[in-house]
C-alpha atoms as a PDB file:
ATOM      1  CA  MET A   1     -13.197   4.506  38.096  1.00  0.00           C
ATOM      2  CA  PHE A   2     -13.394   0.790  37.297  1.00  0.00           C
ATOM      3  CA  ASP A   3     -10.876  -1.780  38.456  1.00  0.00           C
ATOM      4  CA  LEU A   4     -10.307  -3.976  35.398  1.00  0.00           C
ATOM      5  CA  ILE A   5      -7.678  -6.170  37.003  1.00  0.00           C
ATOM      6  CA  SER A   6      -8.914  -9.148  38.993  1.00  0.00           C
ATOM      7  CA  PRO A   7      -7.528  -9.584  42.519  1.00  0.00           C
ATOM      8  CA  ALA A   8      -5.709 -12.780  41.472  1.00  0.00           C
ATOM      9  CA  HIS A   9      -4.104 -11.030  38.478  1.00  0.00           C
ATOM     10  CA  SER A  10      -3.110  -8.131  40.690  1.00  0.00           C
ATOM     11  CA  GLU A  11      -1.550 -10.585  43.141  1.00  0.00           C
ATOM     12  CA  LEU A  12       0.354 -12.200  40.257  1.00  0.00           C
ATOM     13  CA  GLN A  13       1.634  -8.815  39.111  1.00  0.00           C
ATOM     14  CA  ASP A  14       2.743  -7.958  42.646  1.00  0.00           C
ATOM     15  CA  PHE A  15       4.502 -11.318  42.979  1.00  0.00           C
ATOM     16  CA  LEU A  16       6.305 -10.892  39.652  1.00  0.00           C
ATOM     17  CA  ARG A  17       7.412  -7.358  40.512  1.00  0.00           C
ATOM     18  CA  PHE A  18       8.601  -8.271  44.003  1.00  0.00           C
ATOM     19  CA  HIS A  19      10.382 -11.472  42.911  1.00  0.00           C
ATOM     20  CA  SER A  20      11.530 -10.259  39.497  1.00  0.00           C
ATOM     21  CA  GLU A  21      15.238 -10.542  40.221  1.00  0.00           C
ATOM     22  CA  ALA A  22      14.907 -13.957  41.884  1.00  0.00           C
ATOM     23  CA  LEU A  23      12.775 -15.291  39.007  1.00  0.00           C
ATOM     24  CA  GLN A  24      15.271 -14.040  36.451  1.00  0.00           C
ATOM     25  CA  ASN A  25      18.233 -15.476  38.360  1.00  0.00           C
ATOM     26  CA  ALA A  26      16.461 -18.816  38.705  1.00  0.00           C
ATOM     27  CA  SER A  27      15.620 -18.821  35.005  1.00  0.00           C
ATOM     28  CA  LEU A  28      19.234 -18.162  34.069  1.00  0.00           C
ATOM     29  CA  LEU A  29      20.427 -20.887  36.421  1.00  0.00           C
ATOM     30  CA  LEU A  30      17.869 -23.476  35.271  1.00  0.00           C
ATOM     31  CA  GLY A  31      17.509 -22.618  31.585  1.00  0.00           C
ATOM     32  CA  GLY A  32      20.317 -20.335  30.485  1.00  0.00           C
ATOM     33  CA  THR A  33      20.143 -17.071  28.592  1.00  0.00           C
ATOM     34  CA  PRO A  34      17.067 -17.979  26.492  1.00  0.00           C
ATOM     35  CA  ALA A  35      15.080 -18.708  29.666  1.00  0.00           C
ATOM     36  CA  LEU A  36      16.294 -15.464  31.252  1.00  0.00           C
ATOM     37  CA  LYS A  37      15.159 -13.431  28.238  1.00  0.00           C
ATOM     38  CA  ALA A  38      11.784 -15.201  28.155  1.00  0.00           C
ATOM     39  CA  THR A  39      11.235 -14.627  31.878  1.00  0.00           C
ATOM     40  CA  SER A  40      12.195 -10.967  31.683  1.00  0.00           C
ATOM     41  CA  ALA A  41       9.811 -10.390  28.777  1.00  0.00           C
ATOM     42  CA  LEU A  42       7.057 -12.360  30.507  1.00  0.00           C
ATOM     43  CA  ILE A  43       7.348 -10.303  33.692  1.00  0.00           C
ATOM     44  CA  ASP A  44       7.210  -7.052  31.727  1.00  0.00           C
ATOM     45  CA  ASP A  45       4.245  -8.221  29.663  1.00  0.00           C
ATOM     46  CA  VAL A  46       2.170  -9.622  32.537  1.00  0.00           C
ATOM     47  CA  CYS A  47       2.756  -6.506  34.614  1.00  0.00           C
ATOM     48  CA  SER A  48       1.607  -4.205  31.819  1.00  0.00           C
ATOM     49  CA  VAL A  49      -1.753  -5.759  30.891  1.00  0.00           C
ATOM     50  CA  PRO A  50      -5.065  -6.007  32.764  1.00  0.00           C
ATOM     51  CA  VAL A  51      -5.953  -9.453  31.358  1.00  0.00           C
ATOM     52  CA  LEU A  52      -3.793 -12.485  30.577  1.00  0.00           C
ATOM     53  CA  SER A  53      -3.761 -13.495  26.930  1.00  0.00           C
ATOM     54  CA  ARG A  54      -3.341 -17.117  25.919  1.00  0.00           C
ATOM     55  CA  ARG A  55       0.296 -16.382  25.048  1.00  0.00           C
ATOM     56  CA  LEU A  56       0.962 -14.989  28.514  1.00  0.00           C
ATOM     57  CA  GLN A  57      -0.824 -17.904  30.160  1.00  0.00           C
ATOM     58  CA  GLN A  58       1.387 -20.303  28.217  1.00  0.00           C
ATOM     59  CA  GLY A  59       4.456 -18.303  29.252  1.00  0.00           C
ATOM     60  CA  LEU A  60       3.458 -18.587  32.903  1.00  0.00           C
ATOM     61  CA  VAL A  61       3.031 -22.342  32.528  1.00  0.00           C
ATOM     62  CA  ARG A  62       6.476 -22.616  30.880  1.00  0.00           C
ATOM     63  CA  LEU A  63       8.049 -20.589  33.699  1.00  0.00           C
ATOM     64  CA  HIS A  64       6.354 -22.815  36.270  1.00  0.00           C
ATOM     65  CA  GLU A  65       7.656 -25.907  34.444  1.00  0.00           C
ATOM     66  CA  LEU A  66      11.173 -24.468  34.487  1.00  0.00           C
ATOM     67  CA  LEU A  67      11.062 -23.605  38.187  1.00  0.00           C
ATOM     68  CA  SER A  68       9.515 -26.940  39.146  1.00  0.00           C
ATOM     69  CA  LEU A  69      12.140 -28.875  37.140  1.00  0.00           C
ATOM     70  CA  GLU A  70       9.467 -30.450  34.958  1.00  0.00           C
ATOM     71  CA  HIS A  71      11.792 -31.276  32.054  1.00  0.00           C
ATOM     72  CA  VAL A  72      15.147 -31.986  33.696  1.00  0.00           C
ATOM     73  CA  HIS A  73      14.911 -35.712  32.911  1.00  0.00           C
ATOM     74  CA  ASP A  74      14.482 -35.085  29.176  1.00  0.00           C
ATOM     75  CA  LEU A  75      18.033 -35.238  27.828  1.00  0.00           C
ATOM     76  CA  ASP A  76      16.935 -33.513  24.621  1.00  0.00           C
ATOM     77  CA  ARG A  77      16.085 -30.322  26.521  1.00  0.00           C
ATOM     78  CA  PRO A  78      18.647 -27.780  27.735  1.00  0.00           C
ATOM     79  CA  GLU A  79      17.165 -27.865  31.250  1.00  0.00           C
ATOM     80  CA  SER A  80      18.715 -31.288  31.835  1.00  0.00           C
ATOM     81  CA  SER A  81      22.269 -30.018  31.385  1.00  0.00           C
ATOM     82  CA  TYR A  82      21.678 -26.924  33.520  1.00  0.00           C
ATOM     83  CA  PHE A  83      20.164 -29.107  36.229  1.00  0.00           C
ATOM     84  CA  ALA A  84      23.156 -31.464  36.100  1.00  0.00           C
ATOM     85  CA  ASP A  85      25.428 -28.518  36.901  1.00  0.00           C
ATOM     86  CA  LEU A  86      23.573 -27.644  40.120  1.00  0.00           C
ATOM     87  CA  ASP A  87      25.064 -28.493  43.489  1.00  0.00           C
ATOM     88  CA  PRO A  88      22.209 -29.939  45.589  1.00  0.00           C
ATOM     89  CA  ALA A  89      23.979 -28.820  48.765  1.00  0.00           C
ATOM     90  CA  ALA A  90      24.229 -25.191  47.661  1.00  0.00           C
ATOM     91  CA  PRO A  91      22.192 -22.734  49.733  1.00  0.00           C
ATOM     92  CA  TYR A  92      20.393 -21.347  46.673  1.00  0.00           C
ATOM     93  CA  VAL A  93      18.679 -24.706  46.034  1.00  0.00           C
ATOM     94  CA  GLU A  94      16.317 -24.225  48.964  1.00  0.00           C
ATOM     95  CA  ASP A  95      15.583 -20.687  47.735  1.00  0.00           C
ATOM     96  CA  LEU A  96      14.723 -22.076  44.294  1.00  0.00           C
ATOM     97  CA  CYS A  97      12.326 -24.592  45.851  1.00  0.00           C
ATOM     98  CA  LEU A  98      10.600 -21.934  47.941  1.00  0.00           C
ATOM     99  CA  LEU A  99      10.323 -19.622  44.941  1.00  0.00           C
ATOM    100  CA  ALA A 100       8.786 -22.402  42.824  1.00  0.00           C
ATOM    101  CA  GLU A 101       6.265 -23.250  45.545  1.00  0.00           C
ATOM    102  CA  SER A 102       5.296 -19.612  46.063  1.00  0.00           C
ATOM    103  CA  PHE A 103       4.916 -19.065  42.320  1.00  0.00           C
ATOM    104  CA  GLN A 104       2.716 -22.148  42.056  1.00  0.00           C
ATOM    105  CA  ASP A 105       0.506 -20.909  44.904  1.00  0.00           C
ATOM    106  CA  VAL A 106      -0.052 -17.589  43.109  1.00  0.00           C
ATOM    107  CA  LEU A 107      -0.786 -19.324  39.807  1.00  0.00           C
ATOM    108  CA  LEU A 108      -3.316 -21.664  41.392  1.00  0.00           C
ATOM    109  CA  ARG A 109      -5.309 -18.649  42.580  1.00  0.00           C
ATOM    110  CA  LEU A 110      -5.811 -17.477  38.984  1.00  0.00           C
ATOM    111  CA  ASP A 111      -9.266 -19.054  38.919  1.00  0.00           C
ATOM    112  CA  GLY A 112      -8.026 -22.313  37.430  1.00  0.00           C
ATOM    113  CA  ARG A 113      -7.327 -20.732  34.057  1.00  0.00           C
ATOM    114  CA  LEU A 114      -3.850 -22.231  33.887  1.00  0.00           C
ATOM    115  CA  ASP A 115      -3.047 -25.888  33.563  1.00  0.00           C
ATOM    116  CA  ILE A 116      -0.666 -26.085  36.523  1.00  0.00           C
ATOM    117  CA  PRO A 117      -0.056 -29.483  38.094  1.00  0.00           C
ATOM    118  CA  ARG A 118      -0.365 -29.488  41.851  1.00  0.00           C
ATOM    119  CA  THR A 119       2.701 -30.837  43.589  1.00  0.00           C
ATOM    120  CA  ALA A 120       2.558 -32.700  46.855  1.00  0.00           C
END
């Protein structure tokens, strides 16, 4: 009857469903079990609602920050120790970068409702 989901939100849902396993693996690698649980819950929540609440928007921003290594230089955050354990020569590093860039592209199409910094 009526399509309540915007095209950008639908694209986000499709992205999260298609890349669910990769996003969860990246979250575990970059932020440990708490990040994995948060990402899993975020994916489920975003994919089950027609409109993003403020809480979900904030969760998307936090996931973007995790994937884009926003806080790895802050030694008081767990991300710094997980980042220190990564091997920059490992083949999964390029996959993480591509995933982060793709996720950012999808988020930027959400009509500017999220405060996502644009990377070069």
